[in-house]
Amino acid sequence: MTDAILIGSDHAGFALKSLLSDYLARNGVRVIDVGCRDESSCDYPEMARRLCRRVLAGEASSGILICGTGLGMCMSANRFEGIRAALCTTEFHARMSRAHNDSNVLVLGGRVTGTELALSILRTWLETPFEGGRHQRRIDLIEQH
């Protein structure tokens, strides 16, 4: 696992964020929570912006974003140059997003992803290294746009 990870959610992802934060902390990962603080309505683009700016500033090398479906967070996060956010709904998505795409932000849907699946996706995402090679060339092409 990693030594620190940023995590953020909107109100719809708050419960899953809390669960994942607890899991990470129990496994020795320093969790940096960028918000939200409860289930009061808030705007997912703001939470994505907070997390992405801090990843890009080097506060942590990766982050986790959670909203109701994951779609809004993923769209918002990928607006930031240098962020490769991946909405993962299966362990295979998590593995490939790391191995081939070097994703640095995992996105989950709090209203559509069950607890055990979310934990399995998180573990897979954290444990899968980037393969480099031909995949690095493709990452470089993404970054050129």
N, C-alpha and C. Protein backbone atom coordinates (compact mmCIF):
# COMPACT_ATOMS: atom_id res chain seq x y z
N MET A 1 0.84 -1.19 0.00
CA MET A 1 0.00 0.00 0.00
C MET A 1 0.88 1.25 0.00
N THR A 2 0.25 2.37 -0.10
CA THR A 2 0.93 3.65 -0.15
C THR A 2 1.04 4.26 1.24
N ASP A 3 1.86 5.30 1.39
CA ASP A 3 1.99 5.92 2.70
C ASP A 3 0.99 7.04 2.95
N ALA A 4 0.45 7.65 1.90
CA ALA A 4 -0.59 8.68 2.07
C ALA A 4 -1.46 8.72 0.82
N ILE A 5 -2.73 9.00 1.05
CA ILE A 5 -3.67 9.10 -0.07
C ILE A 5 -4.71 10.17 0.27
N LEU A 6 -5.05 10.97 -0.73
CA LEU A 6 -6.10 11.97 -0.58
C LEU A 6 -7.45 11.32 -0.87
N ILE A 7 -8.48 11.77 -0.18
CA ILE A 7 -9.82 11.22 -0.43
C ILE A 7 -10.85 12.33 -0.30
N GLY A 8 -11.84 12.30 -1.18
CA GLY A 8 -12.89 13.30 -1.14
C GLY A 8 -14.19 12.75 -1.71
N SER A 9 -15.28 13.36 -1.29
CA SER A 9 -16.59 12.93 -1.79
C SER A 9 -17.56 14.09 -1.73
N ASP A 10 -18.69 13.89 -2.38
CA ASP A 10 -19.82 14.78 -2.14
C ASP A 10 -20.73 14.06 -1.14
N HIS A 11 -21.90 14.62 -0.90
CA HIS A 11 -22.82 14.05 0.08
C HIS A 11 -23.23 12.61 -0.27
N ALA A 12 -23.38 12.31 -1.56
CA ALA A 12 -23.82 10.98 -1.97
C ALA A 12 -22.72 9.93 -1.79
N GLY A 13 -21.49 10.35 -1.71
CA GLY A 13 -20.38 9.43 -1.53
C GLY A 13 -19.82 9.41 -0.12
N PHE A 14 -20.42 10.21 0.76
CA PHE A 14 -19.86 10.37 2.11
C PHE A 14 -19.76 9.05 2.88
N ALA A 15 -20.80 8.23 2.86
CA ALA A 15 -20.78 6.98 3.63
C ALA A 15 -19.67 6.05 3.13
N LEU A 16 -19.53 5.92 1.81
CA LEU A 16 -18.48 5.05 1.27
C LEU A 16 -17.10 5.65 1.55
N LYS A 17 -16.98 6.96 1.46
CA LYS A 17 -15.71 7.61 1.78
C LYS A 17 -15.30 7.30 3.20
N SER A 18 -16.23 7.37 4.13
CA SER A 18 -15.94 7.08 5.53
C SER A 18 -15.46 5.64 5.70
N LEU A 19 -16.14 4.72 5.05
CA LEU A 19 -15.76 3.31 5.14
C LEU A 19 -14.36 3.07 4.56
N LEU A 20 -14.08 3.62 3.39
CA LEU A 20 -12.77 3.44 2.77
C LEU A 20 -11.67 4.12 3.56
N SER A 21 -11.96 5.28 4.11
CA SER A 21 -10.97 5.98 4.94
C SER A 21 -10.60 5.14 6.15
N ASP A 22 -11.60 4.57 6.81
CA ASP A 22 -11.34 3.71 7.97
C ASP A 22 -10.51 2.49 7.56
N TYR A 23 -10.86 1.87 6.45
CA TYR A 23 -10.11 0.71 5.97
C TYR A 23 -8.64 1.07 5.73
N LEU A 24 -8.41 2.18 5.03
CA LEU A 24 -7.05 2.59 4.73
C LEU A 24 -6.26 2.88 6.01
N ALA A 25 -6.87 3.61 6.93
CA ALA A 25 -6.19 3.94 8.19
C ALA A 25 -5.84 2.67 8.97
N ARG A 26 -6.75 1.72 9.02
CA ARG A 26 -6.48 0.45 9.71
C ARG A 26 -5.34 -0.32 9.07
N ASN A 27 -5.07 -0.04 7.80
CA ASN A 27 -4.00 -0.72 7.09
C ASN A 27 -2.75 0.15 6.95
N GLY A 28 -2.62 1.14 7.81
CA GLY A 28 -1.40 1.92 7.89
C GLY A 28 -1.22 3.02 6.87
N VAL A 29 -2.28 3.37 6.15
CA VAL A 29 -2.20 4.44 5.16
C VAL A 29 -2.66 5.75 5.80
N ARG A 30 -1.86 6.79 5.64
CA ARG A 30 -2.26 8.11 6.12
C ARG A 30 -3.29 8.66 5.13
N VAL A 31 -4.49 8.95 5.63
CA VAL A 31 -5.60 9.43 4.80
C VAL A 31 -5.75 10.93 5.00
N ILE A 32 -5.75 11.66 3.90
CA ILE A 32 -5.94 13.10 3.93
C ILE A 32 -7.30 13.39 3.32
N ASP A 33 -8.25 13.77 4.16
CA ASP A 33 -9.64 13.98 3.74
C ASP A 33 -9.82 15.43 3.31
N VAL A 34 -10.24 15.63 2.06
CA VAL A 34 -10.45 16.98 1.53
C VAL A 34 -11.91 17.43 1.61
N GLY A 35 -12.78 16.58 2.19
CA GLY A 35 -14.20 16.91 2.32
C GLY A 35 -15.02 15.99 1.43
N CYS A 36 -16.25 16.02 1.60
CA CYS A 36 -17.09 16.80 2.49
C CYS A 36 -17.07 16.19 3.89
N ARG A 37 -17.68 16.89 4.83
CA ARG A 37 -17.61 16.48 6.23
C ARG A 37 -18.85 15.76 6.74
N ASP A 38 -19.92 15.76 5.95
CA ASP A 38 -21.15 15.07 6.35
C ASP A 38 -22.03 14.90 5.12
N GLU A 39 -23.26 14.47 5.32
CA GLU A 39 -24.15 14.19 4.19
C GLU A 39 -24.98 15.39 3.75
N SER A 40 -24.61 16.59 4.20
CA SER A 40 -25.28 17.80 3.72
C SER A 40 -24.94 18.00 2.24
N SER A 41 -25.92 18.47 1.49
CA SER A 41 -25.72 18.66 0.06
C SER A 41 -24.53 19.57 -0.22
N CYS A 42 -23.70 19.15 -1.18
CA CYS A 42 -22.55 19.94 -1.60
C CYS A 42 -22.29 19.65 -3.08
N ASP A 43 -21.34 20.37 -3.66
CA ASP A 43 -21.08 20.28 -5.10
C ASP A 43 -19.85 19.44 -5.38
N TYR A 44 -20.04 18.35 -6.12
CA TYR A 44 -18.92 17.44 -6.43
C TYR A 44 -17.77 18.11 -7.17
N PRO A 45 -18.01 19.09 -8.09
CA PRO A 45 -16.84 19.69 -8.75
C PRO A 45 -15.88 20.37 -7.77
N GLU A 46 -16.41 20.93 -6.70
CA GLU A 46 -15.54 21.57 -5.71
C GLU A 46 -14.66 20.54 -5.01
N MET A 47 -15.22 19.40 -4.67
CA MET A 47 -14.44 18.36 -4.00
C MET A 47 -13.38 17.79 -4.95
N ALA A 48 -13.74 17.60 -6.20
CA ALA A 48 -12.77 17.13 -7.19
C ALA A 48 -11.64 18.13 -7.35
N ARG A 49 -11.97 19.41 -7.41
CA ARG A 49 -10.94 20.45 -7.55
C ARG A 49 -10.00 20.44 -6.37
N ARG A 50 -10.53 20.37 -5.16
CA ARG A 50 -9.68 20.33 -3.97
C ARG A 50 -8.68 19.19 -4.03
N LEU A 51 -9.18 18.00 -4.34
CA LEU A 51 -8.32 16.82 -4.36
C LEU A 51 -7.30 16.90 -5.49
N CYS A 52 -7.73 17.23 -6.69
CA CYS A 52 -6.81 17.24 -7.83
C CYS A 52 -5.70 18.26 -7.66
N ARG A 53 -6.02 19.43 -7.18
CA ARG A 53 -4.98 20.44 -6.95
C ARG A 53 -3.94 19.95 -5.96
N ARG A 54 -4.37 19.23 -4.95
CA ARG A 54 -3.43 18.73 -3.95
C ARG A 54 -2.60 17.56 -4.47
N VAL A 55 -3.19 16.72 -5.31
CA VAL A 55 -2.39 15.67 -5.97
C VAL A 55 -1.34 16.32 -6.86
N LEU A 56 -1.74 17.28 -7.66
CA LEU A 56 -0.82 17.94 -8.57
C LEU A 56 0.27 18.72 -7.84
N ALA A 57 -0.03 19.19 -6.63
CA ALA A 57 0.95 19.90 -5.82
C ALA A 57 1.92 18.94 -5.11
N GLY A 58 1.64 17.64 -5.20
CA GLY A 58 2.54 16.66 -4.62
C GLY A 58 2.27 16.29 -3.17
N GLU A 59 1.13 16.71 -2.65
CA GLU A 59 0.81 16.36 -1.27
C GLU A 59 0.65 14.85 -1.10
N ALA A 60 0.19 14.19 -2.12
CA ALA A 60 0.11 12.73 -2.20
C ALA A 60 0.18 12.40 -3.69
N SER A 61 0.58 11.18 -3.99
CA SER A 61 0.71 10.82 -5.41
C SER A 61 -0.61 10.36 -6.02
N SER A 62 -1.60 10.11 -5.15
CA SER A 62 -2.87 9.61 -5.67
C SER A 62 -4.03 10.02 -4.78
N GLY A 63 -5.24 9.79 -5.32
CA GLY A 63 -6.43 10.14 -4.57
C GLY A 63 -7.61 9.27 -4.94
N ILE A 64 -8.66 9.40 -4.14
CA ILE A 64 -9.91 8.68 -4.35
C ILE A 64 -11.03 9.71 -4.30
N LEU A 65 -11.92 9.67 -5.28
CA LEU A 65 -13.09 10.55 -5.31
C LEU A 65 -14.36 9.70 -5.40
N ILE A 66 -15.39 10.11 -4.67
CA ILE A 66 -16.63 9.35 -4.65
C ILE A 66 -17.82 10.31 -4.72
N CYS A 67 -18.71 10.06 -5.66
CA CYS A 67 -20.00 10.75 -5.69
C CYS A 67 -21.06 9.66 -5.89
N GLY A 68 -22.28 10.04 -6.21
CA GLY A 68 -23.35 9.06 -6.32
C GLY A 68 -23.08 7.98 -7.35
N THR A 69 -22.76 8.38 -8.58
CA THR A 69 -22.48 7.42 -9.65
C THR A 69 -21.00 7.32 -9.98
N GLY A 70 -20.23 8.31 -9.59
CA GLY A 70 -18.83 8.40 -9.98
C GLY A 70 -18.63 9.20 -11.25
N LEU A 71 -19.68 9.38 -12.02
CA LEU A 71 -19.57 10.06 -13.32
C LEU A 71 -19.16 11.52 -13.18
N GLY A 72 -19.83 12.25 -12.32
CA GLY A 72 -19.53 13.67 -12.16
C GLY A 72 -18.12 13.91 -11.64
N MET A 73 -17.70 13.12 -10.66
CA MET A 73 -16.35 13.26 -10.12
C MET A 73 -15.31 12.95 -11.20
N CYS A 74 -15.55 11.91 -11.97
CA CYS A 74 -14.60 11.52 -13.01
C CYS A 74 -14.47 12.62 -14.06
N MET A 75 -15.60 13.15 -14.50
CA MET A 75 -15.57 14.23 -15.49
C MET A 75 -14.85 15.46 -14.94
N SER A 76 -15.15 15.81 -13.70
CA SER A 76 -14.53 16.98 -13.08
C SER A 76 -13.03 16.80 -12.91
N ALA A 77 -12.62 15.65 -12.42
CA ALA A 77 -11.20 15.41 -12.16
C ALA A 77 -10.38 15.41 -13.44
N ASN A 78 -10.92 14.83 -14.49
CA ASN A 78 -10.16 14.73 -15.73
C ASN A 78 -10.01 16.05 -16.47
N ARG A 79 -10.59 17.11 -15.95
CA ARG A 79 -10.38 18.45 -16.50
C ARG A 79 -9.00 19.00 -16.13
N PHE A 80 -8.34 18.38 -15.16
CA PHE A 80 -7.04 18.85 -14.68
C PHE A 80 -5.91 18.14 -15.41
N GLU A 81 -5.06 18.93 -16.07
CA GLU A 81 -3.91 18.35 -16.76
C GLU A 81 -3.02 17.63 -15.75
N GLY A 82 -2.69 16.39 -16.05
CA GLY A 82 -1.87 15.60 -15.15
C GLY A 82 -2.66 14.64 -14.28
N ILE A 83 -3.97 14.79 -14.29
CA ILE A 83 -4.84 13.86 -13.56
C ILE A 83 -5.38 12.84 -14.54
N ARG A 84 -5.27 11.59 -14.16
CA ARG A 84 -5.84 10.49 -14.94
C ARG A 84 -6.79 9.75 -14.00
N ALA A 85 -8.02 10.24 -13.96
CA ALA A 85 -9.05 9.68 -13.07
C ALA A 85 -9.77 8.55 -13.78
N ALA A 86 -9.97 7.46 -13.06
CA ALA A 86 -10.63 6.28 -13.63
C ALA A 86 -11.82 5.88 -12.78
N LEU A 87 -13.00 5.90 -13.39
CA LEU A 87 -14.20 5.39 -12.74
C LEU A 87 -14.17 3.88 -12.88
N CYS A 88 -14.02 3.19 -11.76
CA CYS A 88 -13.88 1.73 -11.78
C CYS A 88 -15.11 1.09 -11.14
N THR A 89 -15.69 0.16 -11.88
CA THR A 89 -16.86 -0.57 -11.37
C THR A 89 -16.56 -2.05 -11.15
N THR A 90 -15.37 -2.47 -11.55
CA THR A 90 -14.93 -3.86 -11.35
C THR A 90 -13.45 -3.86 -10.98
N GLU A 91 -12.98 -4.98 -10.47
CA GLU A 91 -11.56 -5.14 -10.18
C GLU A 91 -10.74 -5.07 -11.46
N PHE A 92 -11.29 -5.59 -12.56
CA PHE A 92 -10.58 -5.54 -13.84
C PHE A 92 -10.34 -4.10 -14.27
N HIS A 93 -11.36 -3.26 -14.15
CA HIS A 93 -11.18 -1.83 -14.45
C HIS A 93 -10.06 -1.25 -13.61
N ALA A 94 -10.07 -1.55 -12.32
CA ALA A 94 -9.05 -1.02 -11.40
C ALA A 94 -7.66 -1.47 -11.83
N ARG A 95 -7.52 -2.75 -12.12
CA ARG A 95 -6.21 -3.31 -12.53
C ARG A 95 -5.72 -2.65 -13.81
N MET A 96 -6.57 -2.58 -14.82
CA MET A 96 -6.16 -2.02 -16.10
C MET A 96 -5.92 -0.51 -16.02
N SER A 97 -6.70 0.18 -15.19
CA SER A 97 -6.51 1.64 -15.07
C SER A 97 -5.14 1.97 -14.49
N ARG A 98 -4.62 1.08 -13.67
CA ARG A 98 -3.27 1.27 -13.12
C ARG A 98 -2.21 0.71 -14.05
N ALA A 99 -2.37 -0.55 -14.48
CA ALA A 99 -1.34 -1.24 -15.26
C ALA A 99 -1.11 -0.57 -16.62
N HIS A 100 -2.16 -0.14 -17.28
CA HIS A 100 -2.03 0.42 -18.63
C HIS A 100 -2.18 1.93 -18.69
N ASN A 101 -2.94 2.51 -17.78
CA ASN A 101 -3.22 3.95 -17.86
C ASN A 101 -2.59 4.78 -16.76
N ASP A 102 -1.93 4.14 -15.80
CA ASP A 102 -1.27 4.82 -14.69
C ASP A 102 -2.21 5.83 -14.02
N SER A 103 -3.45 5.41 -13.79
CA SER A 103 -4.42 6.32 -13.16
C SER A 103 -3.89 6.76 -11.79
N ASN A 104 -4.11 8.04 -11.50
CA ASN A 104 -3.67 8.56 -10.20
C ASN A 104 -4.84 8.98 -9.33
N VAL A 105 -6.05 8.84 -9.85
CA VAL A 105 -7.25 9.08 -9.05
C VAL A 105 -8.25 7.96 -9.34
N LEU A 106 -8.63 7.26 -8.30
CA LEU A 106 -9.67 6.24 -8.38
C LEU A 106 -11.01 6.90 -8.11
N VAL A 107 -12.00 6.65 -8.96
CA VAL A 107 -13.33 7.20 -8.78
C VAL A 107 -14.32 6.05 -8.59
N LEU A 108 -15.18 6.21 -7.59
CA LEU A 108 -16.21 5.21 -7.29
C LEU A 108 -17.57 5.87 -7.17
N GLY A 109 -18.61 5.08 -7.41
CA GLY A 109 -19.98 5.54 -7.26
C GLY A 109 -20.56 5.02 -5.96
N GLY A 110 -20.79 5.90 -5.02
CA GLY A 110 -21.28 5.51 -3.70
C GLY A 110 -22.69 4.92 -3.70
N ARG A 111 -23.49 5.29 -4.68
CA ARG A 111 -24.86 4.77 -4.74
C ARG A 111 -25.00 3.55 -5.63
N VAL A 112 -23.92 3.17 -6.33
CA VAL A 112 -24.02 2.06 -7.26
C VAL A 112 -23.00 0.95 -7.01
N THR A 113 -22.08 1.16 -6.09
CA THR A 113 -21.05 0.17 -5.81
C THR A 113 -21.17 -0.30 -4.37
N GLY A 114 -21.39 -1.59 -4.19
CA GLY A 114 -21.51 -2.16 -2.86
C GLY A 114 -20.21 -2.09 -2.08
N THR A 115 -20.32 -2.20 -0.78
CA THR A 115 -19.19 -2.07 0.12
C THR A 115 -18.07 -3.06 -0.18
N GLU A 116 -18.39 -4.33 -0.27
CA GLU A 116 -17.35 -5.34 -0.49
C GLU A 116 -16.68 -5.16 -1.85
N LEU A 117 -17.47 -4.85 -2.87
CA LEU A 117 -16.89 -4.61 -4.19
C LEU A 117 -16.00 -3.37 -4.16
N ALA A 118 -16.44 -2.32 -3.51
CA ALA A 118 -15.63 -1.10 -3.41
C ALA A 118 -14.29 -1.38 -2.74
N LEU A 119 -14.31 -2.15 -1.67
CA LEU A 119 -13.06 -2.50 -0.99
C LEU A 119 -12.16 -3.33 -1.89
N SER A 120 -12.73 -4.26 -2.63
CA SER A 120 -11.94 -5.09 -3.54
C SER A 120 -11.35 -4.25 -4.67
N ILE A 121 -12.13 -3.34 -5.21
CA ILE A 121 -11.64 -2.43 -6.25
C ILE A 121 -10.50 -1.60 -5.70
N LEU A 122 -10.66 -1.05 -4.51
CA LEU A 122 -9.63 -0.22 -3.89
C LEU A 122 -8.34 -1.02 -3.71
N ARG A 123 -8.44 -2.21 -3.13
CA ARG A 123 -7.25 -3.05 -2.92
C ARG A 123 -6.54 -3.34 -4.25
N THR A 124 -7.30 -3.70 -5.25
CA THR A 124 -6.72 -4.00 -6.57
C THR A 124 -6.02 -2.77 -7.13
N TRP A 125 -6.66 -1.63 -7.04
CA TRP A 125 -6.10 -0.38 -7.57
C TRP A 125 -4.80 -0.02 -6.85
N LEU A 126 -4.78 -0.17 -5.55
CA LEU A 126 -3.58 0.17 -4.78
C LEU A 126 -2.43 -0.80 -5.03
N GLU A 127 -2.74 -2.04 -5.28
CA GLU A 127 -1.71 -3.07 -5.40
C GLU A 127 -1.18 -3.26 -6.82
N THR A 128 -1.80 -2.65 -7.80
CA THR A 128 -1.40 -2.85 -9.20
C THR A 128 -0.41 -1.77 -9.63
N PRO A 129 0.78 -2.18 -10.06
CA PRO A 129 1.76 -1.20 -10.54
C PRO A 129 1.53 -0.86 -12.02
N PHE A 130 2.04 0.29 -12.42
CA PHE A 130 2.02 0.71 -13.82
C PHE A 130 3.06 -0.12 -14.58
N GLU A 131 2.69 -0.65 -15.74
CA GLU A 131 3.59 -1.50 -16.51
C GLU A 131 4.60 -0.73 -17.34
N GLY A 132 4.35 0.54 -17.61
CA GLY A 132 5.29 1.32 -18.40
C GLY A 132 5.35 0.85 -19.84
N GLY A 133 6.54 0.92 -20.44
CA GLY A 133 6.74 0.47 -21.82
C GLY A 133 5.84 1.20 -22.80
N ARG A 134 5.17 0.44 -23.66
CA ARG A 134 4.32 1.05 -24.69
C ARG A 134 3.19 1.87 -24.06
N HIS A 135 2.83 1.52 -22.84
CA HIS A 135 1.77 2.27 -22.16
C HIS A 135 2.22 3.68 -21.79
N GLN A 136 3.50 3.86 -21.48
CA GLN A 136 4.01 5.20 -21.18
C GLN A 136 3.89 6.10 -22.39
N ARG A 137 4.17 5.56 -23.57
CA ARG A 137 4.04 6.34 -24.80
C ARG A 137 2.62 6.87 -24.94
N ARG A 138 1.66 6.04 -24.59
CA ARG A 138 0.26 6.43 -24.71
C ARG A 138 -0.12 7.47 -23.66
N ILE A 139 0.41 7.33 -22.47
CA ILE A 139 0.19 8.35 -21.43
C ILE A 139 0.76 9.68 -21.91
N ASP A 140 1.95 9.64 -22.50
CA ASP A 140 2.55 10.87 -23.03
C ASP A 140 1.67 11.51 -24.09
N LEU A 141 1.03 10.70 -24.92
CA LEU A 141 0.13 11.23 -25.94
C LEU A 141 -1.09 11.90 -25.31
N ILE A 142 -1.61 11.31 -24.23
CA ILE A 142 -2.74 11.93 -23.52
C ILE A 142 -2.33 13.28 -22.99
N GLU A 143 -1.15 13.34 -22.39
CA GLU A 143 -0.69 14.58 -21.76
C GLU A 143 -0.41 15.69 -22.78
N GLN A 144 -0.23 15.36 -24.05
CA GLN A 144 0.03 16.36 -25.08
C GLN A 144 -1.20 17.16 -25.47
N HIS A 145 -2.37 16.64 -25.15
CA HIS A 145 -3.62 17.31 -25.57
C HIS A 145 -3.99 18.42 -24.65
